[in-house]
Amino acid sequence: MSNLTSQEKIGRRLEELLSSSLPDATVTARLLRLSQELNQASLTACRRITDLLTRLRDFTHLDEAERKYIDINQELLKALEIVKSETGLDPQIEKRLTNVPAILSEPQKINLAFSSLLRNAFQALRQEGGKVKLSTVRLDEQVEIIIEDNGKGIDQQELKTIFDPKFVPQAGKVRSSWGLATSRQIFSQHKGHMELKSRLGYGTQVKVTLPISASQ
């Protein structure tokens, strides 16, 4: 919007210059160069918007069936990109994703749960040295997903009520109790399990297990 407003002003100024009997070539050239720069910036922004909308469409699976087999690794990475775009944060990401079986699920709900957990991890990080670890592995008839951060952590008293939707975190502790409760409910609906471990000042680990046998 800012670029378009500036372009409008440049256009009017160029009209004034070119309508005069002796247009200032230096000013005209400068305005044309500025116009080109604004066009390039606008094109870059439009490409970013297009890319974001494409990822959002994939993320929400608007054009797909309600239940389908999904690649857990792919869905986790999609959620990661969405949270990066949403928060504007780009912490160090350590990925240990192994080849795991597809899971029959409701993609929208799984993505909602993953994005909520990743958003919590991002918000908990310290500004310097922040790291989020993502890992997936098959354990017998289950797929295990771990999201771990080295952020602020949660004290043991808060952990006792962290999944209570009515729980309100204390000042300085960035945690969404609604998001955690909803995420756990989503995994439970998929016959899975979610557990959370944390230590104040050291970070938090969320472990999710989803059954393979129930999806095949």
N, C-alpha and C. Protein backbone atom coordinates (compact mmCIF):
# COMPACT_ATOMS: atom_id res chain seq x y z
N MET A 1 0.82 -1.20 0.00
CA MET A 1 0.00 0.00 0.00
C MET A 1 0.86 1.26 0.00
N SER A 2 1.93 1.22 0.79
CA SER A 2 2.85 2.35 0.83
C SER A 2 3.50 2.57 -0.53
N ASN A 3 3.92 1.47 -1.16
CA ASN A 3 4.56 1.58 -2.48
C ASN A 3 3.60 2.15 -3.52
N LEU A 4 2.35 1.69 -3.50
CA LEU A 4 1.38 2.17 -4.47
C LEU A 4 1.09 3.66 -4.28
N THR A 5 1.02 4.09 -3.03
CA THR A 5 0.81 5.51 -2.75
C THR A 5 1.97 6.35 -3.28
N SER A 6 3.19 5.84 -3.07
CA SER A 6 4.38 6.55 -3.57
C SER A 6 4.40 6.56 -5.09
N GLN A 7 4.00 5.45 -5.70
CA GLN A 7 3.97 5.38 -7.16
C GLN A 7 3.00 6.41 -7.74
N GLU A 8 1.88 6.60 -7.06
CA GLU A 8 0.91 7.59 -7.52
C GLU A 8 1.50 9.00 -7.49
N LYS A 9 2.24 9.31 -6.44
CA LYS A 9 2.87 10.62 -6.33
C LYS A 9 3.95 10.79 -7.41
N ILE A 10 4.72 9.73 -7.63
CA ILE A 10 5.77 9.79 -8.66
C ILE A 10 5.14 10.01 -10.03
N GLY A 11 4.04 9.32 -10.31
CA GLY A 11 3.36 9.48 -11.59
C GLY A 11 2.91 10.91 -11.83
N ARG A 12 2.32 11.53 -10.78
CA ARG A 12 1.88 12.91 -10.93
C ARG A 12 3.05 13.85 -11.17
N ARG A 13 4.16 13.60 -10.43
CA ARG A 13 5.35 14.45 -10.59
C ARG A 13 5.96 14.31 -11.98
N LEU A 14 5.98 13.08 -12.50
CA LEU A 14 6.51 12.86 -13.85
C LEU A 14 5.64 13.55 -14.89
N GLU A 15 4.33 13.52 -14.70
CA GLU A 15 3.44 14.21 -15.62
C GLU A 15 3.75 15.70 -15.66
N GLU A 16 3.97 16.27 -14.46
CA GLU A 16 4.29 17.70 -14.39
C GLU A 16 5.60 18.01 -15.12
N LEU A 17 6.62 17.17 -14.88
CA LEU A 17 7.92 17.40 -15.51
C LEU A 17 7.85 17.27 -17.02
N LEU A 18 7.17 16.22 -17.49
CA LEU A 18 7.13 15.96 -18.92
C LEU A 18 6.24 16.94 -19.67
N SER A 19 5.32 17.57 -18.95
CA SER A 19 4.45 18.55 -19.60
C SER A 19 5.11 19.93 -19.72
N SER A 20 6.22 20.12 -19.00
CA SER A 20 6.91 21.41 -19.08
C SER A 20 7.74 21.48 -20.35
N SER A 21 8.09 22.71 -20.75
CA SER A 21 8.84 22.90 -21.99
C SER A 21 10.26 22.39 -21.88
N LEU A 22 10.85 22.47 -20.69
CA LEU A 22 12.23 22.00 -20.48
C LEU A 22 12.28 21.08 -19.25
N PRO A 23 11.87 19.82 -19.40
CA PRO A 23 11.88 18.90 -18.25
C PRO A 23 13.28 18.67 -17.72
N ASP A 24 13.39 18.57 -16.41
CA ASP A 24 14.67 18.33 -15.75
C ASP A 24 15.03 16.85 -15.91
N ALA A 25 16.01 16.55 -16.73
CA ALA A 25 16.37 15.17 -17.02
C ALA A 25 16.87 14.43 -15.79
N THR A 26 17.61 15.14 -14.92
CA THR A 26 18.16 14.51 -13.72
C THR A 26 17.04 14.07 -12.77
N VAL A 27 16.10 14.98 -12.54
CA VAL A 27 14.97 14.66 -11.65
C VAL A 27 14.12 13.55 -12.24
N THR A 28 13.89 13.62 -13.56
CA THR A 28 13.09 12.59 -14.23
C THR A 28 13.73 11.22 -14.10
N ALA A 29 15.04 11.16 -14.31
CA ALA A 29 15.76 9.89 -14.20
C ALA A 29 15.70 9.36 -12.77
N ARG A 30 15.81 10.25 -11.79
CA ARG A 30 15.76 9.82 -10.38
C ARG A 30 14.38 9.26 -10.04
N LEU A 31 13.33 9.93 -10.52
CA LEU A 31 11.98 9.46 -10.25
C LEU A 31 11.71 8.11 -10.91
N LEU A 32 12.21 7.95 -12.14
CA LEU A 32 12.03 6.67 -12.83
C LEU A 32 12.77 5.54 -12.11
N ARG A 33 13.96 5.83 -11.61
CA ARG A 33 14.73 4.83 -10.88
C ARG A 33 14.01 4.45 -9.58
N LEU A 34 13.47 5.46 -8.89
CA LEU A 34 12.72 5.20 -7.66
C LEU A 34 11.48 4.37 -7.96
N SER A 35 10.81 4.66 -9.07
CA SER A 35 9.63 3.91 -9.46
C SER A 35 9.98 2.45 -9.70
N GLN A 36 11.10 2.19 -10.36
CA GLN A 36 11.54 0.82 -10.62
C GLN A 36 11.84 0.08 -9.31
N GLU A 37 12.45 0.77 -8.37
CA GLU A 37 12.76 0.16 -7.07
C GLU A 37 11.48 -0.21 -6.32
N LEU A 38 10.49 0.69 -6.38
CA LEU A 38 9.22 0.41 -5.72
C LEU A 38 8.51 -0.77 -6.37
N ASN A 39 8.58 -0.82 -7.70
CA ASN A 39 7.97 -1.95 -8.41
C ASN A 39 8.60 -3.27 -7.99
N GLN A 40 9.92 -3.28 -7.89
CA GLN A 40 10.63 -4.50 -7.50
C GLN A 40 10.26 -4.91 -6.09
N ALA A 41 10.18 -3.93 -5.19
CA ALA A 41 9.81 -4.23 -3.80
C ALA A 41 8.39 -4.79 -3.73
N SER A 42 7.49 -4.22 -4.54
CA SER A 42 6.10 -4.69 -4.55
C SER A 42 6.01 -6.11 -5.10
N LEU A 43 6.77 -6.41 -6.16
CA LEU A 43 6.77 -7.75 -6.73
C LEU A 43 7.30 -8.77 -5.72
N THR A 44 8.34 -8.39 -4.99
CA THR A 44 8.89 -9.29 -3.96
C THR A 44 7.86 -9.56 -2.88
N ALA A 45 7.15 -8.51 -2.46
CA ALA A 45 6.12 -8.67 -1.43
C ALA A 45 4.98 -9.55 -1.92
N CYS A 46 4.59 -9.37 -3.20
CA CYS A 46 3.51 -10.18 -3.76
C CYS A 46 3.91 -11.65 -3.84
N ARG A 47 5.17 -11.90 -4.19
CA ARG A 47 5.64 -13.29 -4.24
C ARG A 47 5.59 -13.92 -2.85
N ARG A 48 5.96 -13.14 -1.83
CA ARG A 48 5.90 -13.66 -0.46
C ARG A 48 4.47 -13.96 -0.04
N ILE A 49 3.55 -13.06 -0.42
CA ILE A 49 2.15 -13.27 -0.09
C ILE A 49 1.62 -14.52 -0.79
N THR A 50 1.96 -14.66 -2.07
CA THR A 50 1.53 -15.83 -2.83
C THR A 50 2.06 -17.11 -2.20
N ASP A 51 3.32 -17.09 -1.80
CA ASP A 51 3.93 -18.26 -1.18
C ASP A 51 3.24 -18.57 0.15
N LEU A 52 2.96 -17.54 0.93
CA LEU A 52 2.30 -17.75 2.21
C LEU A 52 0.90 -18.32 2.03
N LEU A 53 0.16 -17.78 1.06
CA LEU A 53 -1.19 -18.28 0.82
C LEU A 53 -1.18 -19.73 0.34
N THR A 54 -0.18 -20.07 -0.47
CA THR A 54 -0.05 -21.45 -0.93
C THR A 54 0.19 -22.38 0.25
N ARG A 55 1.08 -21.95 1.16
CA ARG A 55 1.36 -22.78 2.33
C ARG A 55 0.14 -22.87 3.24
N LEU A 56 -0.60 -21.76 3.36
CA LEU A 56 -1.81 -21.77 4.18
C LEU A 56 -2.84 -22.73 3.60
N ARG A 57 -2.99 -22.74 2.27
CA ARG A 57 -3.92 -23.66 1.63
C ARG A 57 -3.52 -25.10 1.88
N ASP A 58 -2.23 -25.39 1.71
CA ASP A 58 -1.75 -26.74 1.99
C ASP A 58 -1.92 -27.09 3.46
N PHE A 59 -1.67 -26.10 4.31
CA PHE A 59 -1.72 -26.30 5.76
C PHE A 59 -3.11 -26.68 6.21
N THR A 60 -4.12 -26.00 5.69
CA THR A 60 -5.49 -26.24 6.13
C THR A 60 -6.20 -27.29 5.30
N HIS A 61 -5.60 -27.72 4.16
CA HIS A 61 -6.18 -28.78 3.33
C HIS A 61 -7.62 -28.45 2.96
N LEU A 62 -7.84 -27.22 2.51
CA LEU A 62 -9.21 -26.78 2.22
C LEU A 62 -9.86 -27.59 1.09
N ASP A 63 -9.04 -28.11 0.17
CA ASP A 63 -9.60 -28.81 -0.98
C ASP A 63 -9.45 -30.32 -0.86
N GLU A 64 -9.30 -30.83 0.35
CA GLU A 64 -9.11 -32.26 0.53
C GLU A 64 -10.19 -32.84 1.44
N ALA A 65 -10.28 -34.16 1.43
CA ALA A 65 -11.27 -34.84 2.27
C ALA A 65 -10.96 -34.63 3.74
N GLU A 66 -11.98 -34.83 4.56
CA GLU A 66 -11.83 -34.58 5.99
C GLU A 66 -10.79 -35.49 6.62
N ARG A 67 -10.79 -36.77 6.22
CA ARG A 67 -9.82 -37.72 6.75
C ARG A 67 -8.99 -38.29 5.61
N LYS A 68 -7.68 -38.41 5.84
CA LYS A 68 -6.80 -38.95 4.81
C LYS A 68 -5.50 -39.41 5.47
N TYR A 69 -4.74 -40.17 4.72
CA TYR A 69 -3.42 -40.57 5.19
C TYR A 69 -2.46 -39.39 5.00
N ILE A 70 -1.71 -39.08 6.02
CA ILE A 70 -0.79 -37.95 5.96
C ILE A 70 0.62 -38.38 6.31
N ASP A 71 1.56 -37.65 5.78
CA ASP A 71 2.97 -37.81 6.12
C ASP A 71 3.24 -36.89 7.32
N ILE A 72 3.47 -37.49 8.47
CA ILE A 72 3.66 -36.71 9.70
C ILE A 72 4.81 -35.72 9.56
N ASN A 73 5.91 -36.15 8.96
CA ASN A 73 7.05 -35.25 8.78
C ASN A 73 6.67 -34.03 7.95
N GLN A 74 5.96 -34.27 6.87
CA GLN A 74 5.56 -33.18 5.99
C GLN A 74 4.62 -32.22 6.70
N GLU A 75 3.68 -32.75 7.45
CA GLU A 75 2.74 -31.89 8.16
C GLU A 75 3.43 -31.07 9.25
N LEU A 76 4.41 -31.68 9.90
CA LEU A 76 5.15 -30.97 10.94
C LEU A 76 5.93 -29.81 10.33
N LEU A 77 6.53 -30.03 9.17
CA LEU A 77 7.30 -28.98 8.50
C LEU A 77 6.39 -27.88 7.97
N LYS A 78 5.20 -28.24 7.50
CA LYS A 78 4.24 -27.23 7.06
C LYS A 78 3.84 -26.33 8.23
N ALA A 79 3.57 -26.95 9.37
CA ALA A 79 3.21 -26.18 10.55
C ALA A 79 4.36 -25.27 10.97
N LEU A 80 5.57 -25.76 10.84
CA LEU A 80 6.76 -24.96 11.18
C LEU A 80 6.83 -23.70 10.33
N GLU A 81 6.61 -23.83 9.03
CA GLU A 81 6.67 -22.67 8.13
C GLU A 81 5.57 -21.67 8.43
N ILE A 82 4.39 -22.17 8.76
CA ILE A 82 3.29 -21.28 9.10
C ILE A 82 3.61 -20.48 10.36
N VAL A 83 4.13 -21.14 11.37
CA VAL A 83 4.45 -20.46 12.63
C VAL A 83 5.57 -19.45 12.44
N LYS A 84 6.56 -19.79 11.61
CA LYS A 84 7.62 -18.83 11.29
C LYS A 84 7.04 -17.57 10.67
N SER A 85 6.16 -17.75 9.69
CA SER A 85 5.56 -16.60 9.01
C SER A 85 4.67 -15.81 9.96
N GLU A 86 3.95 -16.52 10.80
CA GLU A 86 3.01 -15.87 11.71
C GLU A 86 3.71 -15.06 12.79
N THR A 87 4.78 -15.62 13.36
CA THR A 87 5.46 -14.98 14.48
C THR A 87 6.57 -14.04 14.05
N GLY A 88 7.09 -14.24 12.83
CA GLY A 88 8.24 -13.45 12.39
C GLY A 88 9.54 -13.91 13.02
N LEU A 89 9.50 -15.04 13.71
CA LEU A 89 10.68 -15.57 14.38
C LEU A 89 11.32 -16.66 13.52
N ASP A 90 12.61 -16.77 13.60
CA ASP A 90 13.32 -17.79 12.81
C ASP A 90 14.46 -18.38 13.66
N PRO A 91 14.10 -19.12 14.71
CA PRO A 91 15.13 -19.68 15.59
C PRO A 91 15.87 -20.82 14.93
N GLN A 92 16.91 -21.28 15.58
CA GLN A 92 17.66 -22.43 15.08
C GLN A 92 16.77 -23.67 15.20
N ILE A 93 16.65 -24.42 14.12
CA ILE A 93 15.82 -25.62 14.10
C ILE A 93 16.70 -26.84 13.87
N GLU A 94 16.60 -27.78 14.78
CA GLU A 94 17.33 -29.04 14.63
C GLU A 94 16.31 -30.13 14.29
N LYS A 95 16.48 -30.76 13.12
CA LYS A 95 15.52 -31.76 12.66
C LYS A 95 16.14 -33.15 12.67
N ARG A 96 15.41 -34.06 13.27
CA ARG A 96 15.78 -35.48 13.26
C ARG A 96 14.54 -36.26 12.87
N LEU A 97 14.18 -36.15 11.60
CA LEU A 97 12.95 -36.76 11.10
C LEU A 97 13.29 -38.05 10.34
N THR A 98 12.73 -39.14 10.79
CA THR A 98 12.99 -40.42 10.15
C THR A 98 11.77 -40.84 9.32
N ASN A 99 11.95 -41.84 8.50
CA ASN A 99 10.88 -42.32 7.64
C ASN A 99 9.86 -43.08 8.48
N VAL A 100 8.66 -42.52 8.62
CA VAL A 100 7.63 -43.15 9.44
C VAL A 100 6.39 -43.41 8.58
N PRO A 101 5.56 -44.38 8.98
CA PRO A 101 4.37 -44.71 8.20
C PRO A 101 3.36 -43.56 8.17
N ALA A 102 2.56 -43.53 7.12
CA ALA A 102 1.48 -42.54 7.02
C ALA A 102 0.42 -42.85 8.07
N ILE A 103 -0.22 -41.81 8.55
CA ILE A 103 -1.24 -41.93 9.59
C ILE A 103 -2.57 -41.42 9.04
N LEU A 104 -3.64 -42.17 9.25
CA LEU A 104 -4.97 -41.72 8.86
C LEU A 104 -5.45 -40.72 9.90
N SER A 105 -5.75 -39.51 9.44
CA SER A 105 -6.10 -38.47 10.41
C SER A 105 -6.97 -37.41 9.76
N GLU A 106 -7.36 -36.45 10.57
CA GLU A 106 -8.00 -35.23 10.10
C GLU A 106 -6.89 -34.18 10.02
N PRO A 107 -6.38 -33.89 8.83
CA PRO A 107 -5.21 -33.02 8.67
C PRO A 107 -5.35 -31.65 9.32
N GLN A 108 -6.53 -31.04 9.21
CA GLN A 108 -6.71 -29.71 9.79
C GLN A 108 -6.46 -29.72 11.29
N LYS A 109 -6.97 -30.75 11.95
CA LYS A 109 -6.81 -30.81 13.40
C LYS A 109 -5.36 -31.11 13.79
N ILE A 110 -4.72 -32.03 13.07
CA ILE A 110 -3.32 -32.35 13.37
C ILE A 110 -2.44 -31.12 13.17
N ASN A 111 -2.67 -30.39 12.09
CA ASN A 111 -1.89 -29.18 11.84
C ASN A 111 -2.14 -28.12 12.90
N LEU A 112 -3.38 -28.00 13.34
CA LEU A 112 -3.71 -27.05 14.40
C LEU A 112 -2.93 -27.38 15.66
N ALA A 113 -2.87 -28.67 16.00
CA ALA A 113 -2.16 -29.10 17.19
C ALA A 113 -0.66 -28.85 17.07
N PHE A 114 -0.07 -29.23 15.93
CA PHE A 114 1.36 -29.02 15.72
C PHE A 114 1.72 -27.53 15.77
N SER A 115 0.91 -26.71 15.12
CA SER A 115 1.21 -25.27 15.10
C SER A 115 1.11 -24.65 16.48
N SER A 116 0.16 -25.12 17.27
CA SER A 116 0.01 -24.61 18.64
C SER A 116 1.24 -24.96 19.48
N LEU A 117 1.72 -26.20 19.36
CA LEU A 117 2.89 -26.62 20.12
C LEU A 117 4.14 -25.87 19.66
N LEU A 118 4.29 -25.68 18.36
CA LEU A 118 5.44 -24.95 17.83
C LEU A 118 5.40 -23.48 18.22
N ARG A 119 4.21 -22.91 18.22
CA ARG A 119 4.07 -21.51 18.61
C ARG A 119 4.50 -21.32 20.08
N ASN A 120 4.09 -22.23 20.93
CA ASN A 120 4.50 -22.17 22.33
C ASN A 120 6.02 -22.26 22.45
N ALA A 121 6.62 -23.17 21.69
CA ALA A 121 8.08 -23.34 21.74
C ALA A 121 8.80 -22.07 21.28
N PHE A 122 8.32 -21.47 20.20
CA PHE A 122 8.94 -20.25 19.68
C PHE A 122 8.86 -19.13 20.72
N GLN A 123 7.69 -18.97 21.32
CA GLN A 123 7.47 -17.87 22.24
C GLN A 123 8.25 -18.04 23.54
N ALA A 124 8.61 -19.26 23.86
CA ALA A 124 9.34 -19.52 25.10
C ALA A 124 10.84 -19.29 24.98
N LEU A 125 11.34 -19.16 23.75
CA LEU A 125 12.78 -19.08 23.55
C LEU A 125 13.36 -17.76 24.03
N ARG A 126 14.59 -17.85 24.48
CA ARG A 126 15.35 -16.65 24.77
C ARG A 126 15.82 -16.07 23.44
N GLN A 127 16.15 -14.78 23.44
CA GLN A 127 16.51 -14.12 22.18
C GLN A 127 17.78 -14.68 21.57
N GLU A 128 18.75 -15.03 22.40
CA GLU A 128 20.01 -15.55 21.88
C GLU A 128 20.14 -17.04 22.22
N GLY A 129 20.59 -17.80 21.24
CA GLY A 129 20.81 -19.22 21.47
C GLY A 129 19.55 -20.04 21.51
N GLY A 130 18.42 -19.48 21.02
CA GLY A 130 17.17 -20.21 21.02
C GLY A 130 17.18 -21.34 20.01
N LYS A 131 16.72 -22.52 20.42
CA LYS A 131 16.74 -23.68 19.54
C LYS A 131 15.48 -24.51 19.76
N VAL A 132 14.94 -25.00 18.65
CA VAL A 132 13.81 -25.92 18.70
C VAL A 132 14.23 -27.21 18.00
N LYS A 133 14.02 -28.33 18.68
CA LYS A 133 14.37 -29.63 18.11
C LYS A 133 13.10 -30.37 17.71
N LEU A 134 13.09 -30.90 16.50
CA LEU A 134 11.97 -31.68 16.00
C LEU A 134 12.46 -33.08 15.67
N SER A 135 11.76 -34.09 16.15
CA SER A 135 12.17 -35.46 15.84
C SER A 135 10.95 -36.35 15.68
N THR A 136 11.07 -37.32 14.79
CA THR A 136 10.03 -38.33 14.60
C THR A 136 10.69 -39.69 14.48
N VAL A 137 10.03 -40.70 15.00
CA VAL A 137 10.59 -42.05 14.93
C VAL A 137 9.44 -43.05 15.10
N ARG A 138 9.60 -44.22 14.51
CA ARG A 138 8.62 -45.28 14.71
C ARG A 138 9.05 -46.14 15.88
N LEU A 139 8.14 -46.37 16.80
CA LEU A 139 8.37 -47.23 17.95
C LEU A 139 7.31 -48.31 17.95
N ASP A 140 7.68 -49.51 17.49
CA ASP A 140 6.73 -50.61 17.37
C ASP A 140 5.54 -50.19 16.50
N GLU A 141 4.36 -50.14 17.10
CA GLU A 141 3.16 -49.78 16.33
C GLU A 141 2.74 -48.34 16.59
N GLN A 142 3.70 -47.50 16.91
CA GLN A 142 3.40 -46.09 17.15
C GLN A 142 4.41 -45.20 16.43
N VAL A 143 3.98 -43.98 16.14
CA VAL A 143 4.87 -42.93 15.66
C VAL A 143 5.03 -41.93 16.80
N GLU A 144 6.29 -41.63 17.12
CA GLU A 144 6.57 -40.68 18.20
C GLU A 144 7.07 -39.37 17.60
N ILE A 145 6.46 -38.27 18.02
CA ILE A 145 6.86 -36.93 17.58
C ILE A 145 7.28 -36.14 18.82
N ILE A 146 8.47 -35.54 18.75
CA ILE A 146 8.95 -34.75 19.88
C ILE A 146 9.26 -33.33 19.42
N ILE A 147 8.72 -32.36 20.14
CA ILE A 147 9.02 -30.94 19.93
C ILE A 147 9.65 -30.42 21.22
N GLU A 148 10.87 -29.98 21.12
CA GLU A 148 11.62 -29.59 22.32
C GLU A 148 12.26 -28.22 22.12
N ASP A 149 12.22 -27.41 23.16
CA ASP A 149 12.88 -26.10 23.09
C ASP A 149 13.79 -25.91 24.30
N ASN A 150 14.74 -24.97 24.19
CA ASN A 150 15.63 -24.67 25.31
C ASN A 150 15.29 -23.31 25.91
N GLY A 151 14.00 -23.02 25.95
CA GLY A 151 13.52 -21.73 26.42
C GLY A 151 13.35 -21.60 27.91
N LYS A 152 12.36 -20.83 28.31
CA LYS A 152 12.17 -20.45 29.71
C LYS A 152 11.81 -21.62 30.61
N GLY A 153 11.08 -22.56 30.05
CA GLY A 153 10.65 -23.67 30.88
C GLY A 153 9.46 -23.30 31.75
N ILE A 154 8.94 -24.29 32.46
CA ILE A 154 7.76 -24.10 33.31
C ILE A 154 8.07 -24.70 34.68
N ASP A 155 7.69 -23.98 35.73
CA ASP A 155 7.98 -24.53 37.06
C ASP A 155 7.00 -25.66 37.39
N GLN A 156 7.36 -26.47 38.36
CA GLN A 156 6.62 -27.69 38.66
C GLN A 156 5.20 -27.40 39.14
N GLN A 157 5.00 -26.30 39.81
CA GLN A 157 3.66 -25.96 40.29
C GLN A 157 2.73 -25.68 39.11
N GLU A 158 3.23 -24.96 38.13
CA GLU A 158 2.42 -24.66 36.94
C GLU A 158 2.14 -25.92 36.13
N LEU A 159 3.09 -26.84 36.10
CA LEU A 159 2.91 -28.06 35.32
C LEU A 159 1.70 -28.86 35.78
N LYS A 160 1.36 -28.74 37.06
CA LYS A 160 0.24 -29.51 37.60
C LYS A 160 -1.09 -29.11 36.96
N THR A 161 -1.18 -27.87 36.51
CA THR A 161 -2.45 -27.39 35.94
C THR A 161 -2.29 -26.87 34.51
N ILE A 162 -1.19 -27.24 33.85
CA ILE A 162 -0.89 -26.67 32.54
C ILE A 162 -1.91 -27.04 31.48
N PHE A 163 -2.60 -28.19 31.63
CA PHE A 163 -3.59 -28.61 30.64
C PHE A 163 -5.00 -28.16 30.99
N ASP A 164 -5.14 -27.42 32.07
CA ASP A 164 -6.45 -26.92 32.46
C ASP A 164 -6.79 -25.70 31.60
N PRO A 165 -7.87 -25.74 30.81
CA PRO A 165 -8.22 -24.61 29.96
C PRO A 165 -8.47 -23.32 30.73
N LYS A 166 -8.78 -23.42 32.00
CA LYS A 166 -9.04 -22.23 32.80
C LYS A 166 -7.77 -21.68 33.44
N PHE A 167 -6.67 -22.39 33.27
CA PHE A 167 -5.41 -21.97 33.87
C PHE A 167 -4.87 -20.72 33.19
N VAL A 168 -4.45 -19.73 33.96
CA VAL A 168 -3.87 -18.50 33.43
C VAL A 168 -2.41 -18.45 33.85
N PRO A 169 -1.46 -18.48 32.91
CA PRO A 169 -0.04 -18.44 33.26
C PRO A 169 0.32 -17.18 34.02
N GLN A 170 1.33 -17.28 34.84
CA GLN A 170 1.82 -16.12 35.57
C GLN A 170 2.57 -15.20 34.63
N ALA A 171 2.73 -13.94 35.06
CA ALA A 171 3.43 -12.96 34.22
C ALA A 171 4.83 -13.44 33.89
N GLY A 172 5.19 -13.28 32.62
CA GLY A 172 6.54 -13.66 32.20
C GLY A 172 6.64 -15.07 31.69
N LYS A 173 5.61 -15.89 31.94
CA LYS A 173 5.62 -17.26 31.44
C LYS A 173 4.71 -17.33 30.21
N VAL A 174 5.30 -17.57 29.07
CA VAL A 174 4.53 -17.56 27.83
C VAL A 174 4.04 -18.95 27.52
N ARG A 175 2.80 -19.23 27.87
CA ARG A 175 2.20 -20.52 27.59
C ARG A 175 0.70 -20.34 27.36
N SER A 176 0.19 -21.05 26.39
CA SER A 176 -1.24 -21.00 26.10
C SER A 176 -1.90 -22.27 26.62
N SER A 177 -2.60 -22.16 27.71
CA SER A 177 -3.24 -23.35 28.28
C SER A 177 -4.35 -23.86 27.37
N TRP A 178 -5.04 -22.97 26.69
CA TRP A 178 -6.08 -23.41 25.76
C TRP A 178 -5.46 -24.21 24.63
N GLY A 179 -4.33 -23.72 24.11
CA GLY A 179 -3.67 -24.43 23.01
C GLY A 179 -3.21 -25.80 23.41
N LEU A 180 -2.65 -25.93 24.59
CA LEU A 180 -2.16 -27.23 25.06
C LEU A 180 -3.31 -28.19 25.30
N ALA A 181 -4.37 -27.68 25.91
CA ALA A 181 -5.52 -28.54 26.18
C ALA A 181 -6.15 -29.01 24.87
N THR A 182 -6.26 -28.11 23.91
CA THR A 182 -6.85 -28.46 22.62
C THR A 182 -5.97 -29.45 21.87
N SER A 183 -4.67 -29.24 21.91
CA SER A 183 -3.74 -30.15 21.22
C SER A 183 -3.84 -31.54 21.81
N ARG A 184 -3.85 -31.63 23.12
CA ARG A 184 -3.95 -32.95 23.75
C ARG A 184 -5.27 -33.64 23.39
N GLN A 185 -6.34 -32.87 23.31
CA GLN A 185 -7.63 -33.43 22.94
C GLN A 185 -7.62 -33.95 21.51
N ILE A 186 -6.97 -33.20 20.61
CA ILE A 186 -6.89 -33.62 19.20
C ILE A 186 -6.14 -34.94 19.08
N PHE A 187 -4.99 -35.05 19.76
CA PHE A 187 -4.23 -36.30 19.69
C PHE A 187 -5.00 -37.44 20.33
N SER A 188 -5.76 -37.14 21.37
CA SER A 188 -6.57 -38.17 22.01
C SER A 188 -7.65 -38.67 21.06
N GLN A 189 -8.23 -37.75 20.27
CA GLN A 189 -9.25 -38.13 19.29
C GLN A 189 -8.68 -39.05 18.22
N HIS A 190 -7.37 -38.96 18.00
CA HIS A 190 -6.70 -39.83 17.04
C HIS A 190 -6.09 -41.06 17.72
N LYS A 191 -6.59 -41.37 18.93
CA LYS A 191 -6.15 -42.52 19.72
C LYS A 191 -4.67 -42.42 20.08
N GLY A 192 -4.20 -41.18 20.21
CA GLY A 192 -2.81 -40.93 20.57
C GLY A 192 -2.68 -40.40 21.98
N HIS A 193 -1.47 -39.99 22.30
CA HIS A 193 -1.17 -39.53 23.64
C HIS A 193 -0.16 -38.39 23.57
N MET A 194 -0.27 -37.46 24.49
CA MET A 194 0.65 -36.33 24.55
C MET A 194 1.09 -36.10 25.99
N GLU A 195 2.38 -35.94 26.18
CA GLU A 195 2.90 -35.64 27.52
C GLU A 195 3.90 -34.51 27.44
N LEU A 196 3.99 -33.79 28.51
CA LEU A 196 4.85 -32.61 28.55
C LEU A 196 5.79 -32.67 29.75
N LYS A 197 7.07 -32.41 29.49
CA LYS A 197 8.07 -32.34 30.55
C LYS A 197 8.77 -30.99 30.45
N SER A 198 9.02 -30.37 31.59
CA SER A 198 9.67 -29.07 31.55
C SER A 198 10.43 -28.81 32.84
N ARG A 199 11.44 -27.98 32.70
CA ARG A 199 12.24 -27.58 33.86
C ARG A 199 12.51 -26.09 33.73
N LEU A 200 12.15 -25.36 34.76
CA LEU A 200 12.28 -23.91 34.73
C LEU A 200 13.72 -23.50 34.43
N GLY A 201 13.87 -22.68 33.38
CA GLY A 201 15.19 -22.19 33.01
C GLY A 201 15.93 -23.09 32.04
N TYR A 202 15.37 -24.26 31.72
CA TYR A 202 16.07 -25.21 30.85
C TYR A 202 15.28 -25.58 29.59
N GLY A 203 13.99 -25.36 29.60
CA GLY A 203 13.22 -25.65 28.40
C GLY A 203 12.12 -26.66 28.62
N THR A 204 11.46 -27.00 27.52
CA THR A 204 10.28 -27.86 27.56
C THR A 204 10.32 -28.90 26.45
N GLN A 205 9.84 -30.08 26.76
CA GLN A 205 9.74 -31.14 25.77
C GLN A 205 8.30 -31.64 25.73
N VAL A 206 7.74 -31.69 24.51
CA VAL A 206 6.40 -32.25 24.31
C VAL A 206 6.55 -33.51 23.46
N LYS A 207 6.06 -34.63 23.98
CA LYS A 207 6.16 -35.90 23.27
C LYS A 207 4.74 -36.36 22.89
N VAL A 208 4.57 -36.62 21.59
CA VAL A 208 3.28 -37.08 21.07
C VAL A 208 3.45 -38.46 20.47
N THR A 209 2.54 -39.37 20.78
CA THR A 209 2.56 -40.70 20.17
C THR A 209 1.22 -40.92 19.47
N LEU A 210 1.28 -41.41 18.23
CA LEU A 210 0.10 -41.72 17.47
C LEU A 210 0.19 -43.17 17.00
N PRO A 211 -0.89 -43.93 17.12
CA PRO A 211 -0.84 -45.34 16.76
C PRO A 211 -0.81 -45.56 15.26
N ILE A 212 -0.05 -46.56 14.83
CA ILE A 212 -0.01 -46.92 13.42
C ILE A 212 -1.11 -47.92 13.09
N SER A 213 -1.32 -48.87 13.97
CA SER A 213 -2.27 -49.95 13.71
C SER A 213 -3.69 -49.42 13.49
N ALA A 214 -4.04 -48.34 14.21
CA ALA A 214 -5.38 -47.80 14.08
C ALA A 214 -5.59 -47.11 12.75
N SER A 215 -4.48 -46.84 12.02
CA SER A 215 -4.61 -46.09 10.77
C SER A 215 -4.51 -46.99 9.55
N GLN A 216 -4.32 -48.28 9.72
CA GLN A 216 -4.10 -49.16 8.57
C GLN A 216 -5.14 -50.27 8.50
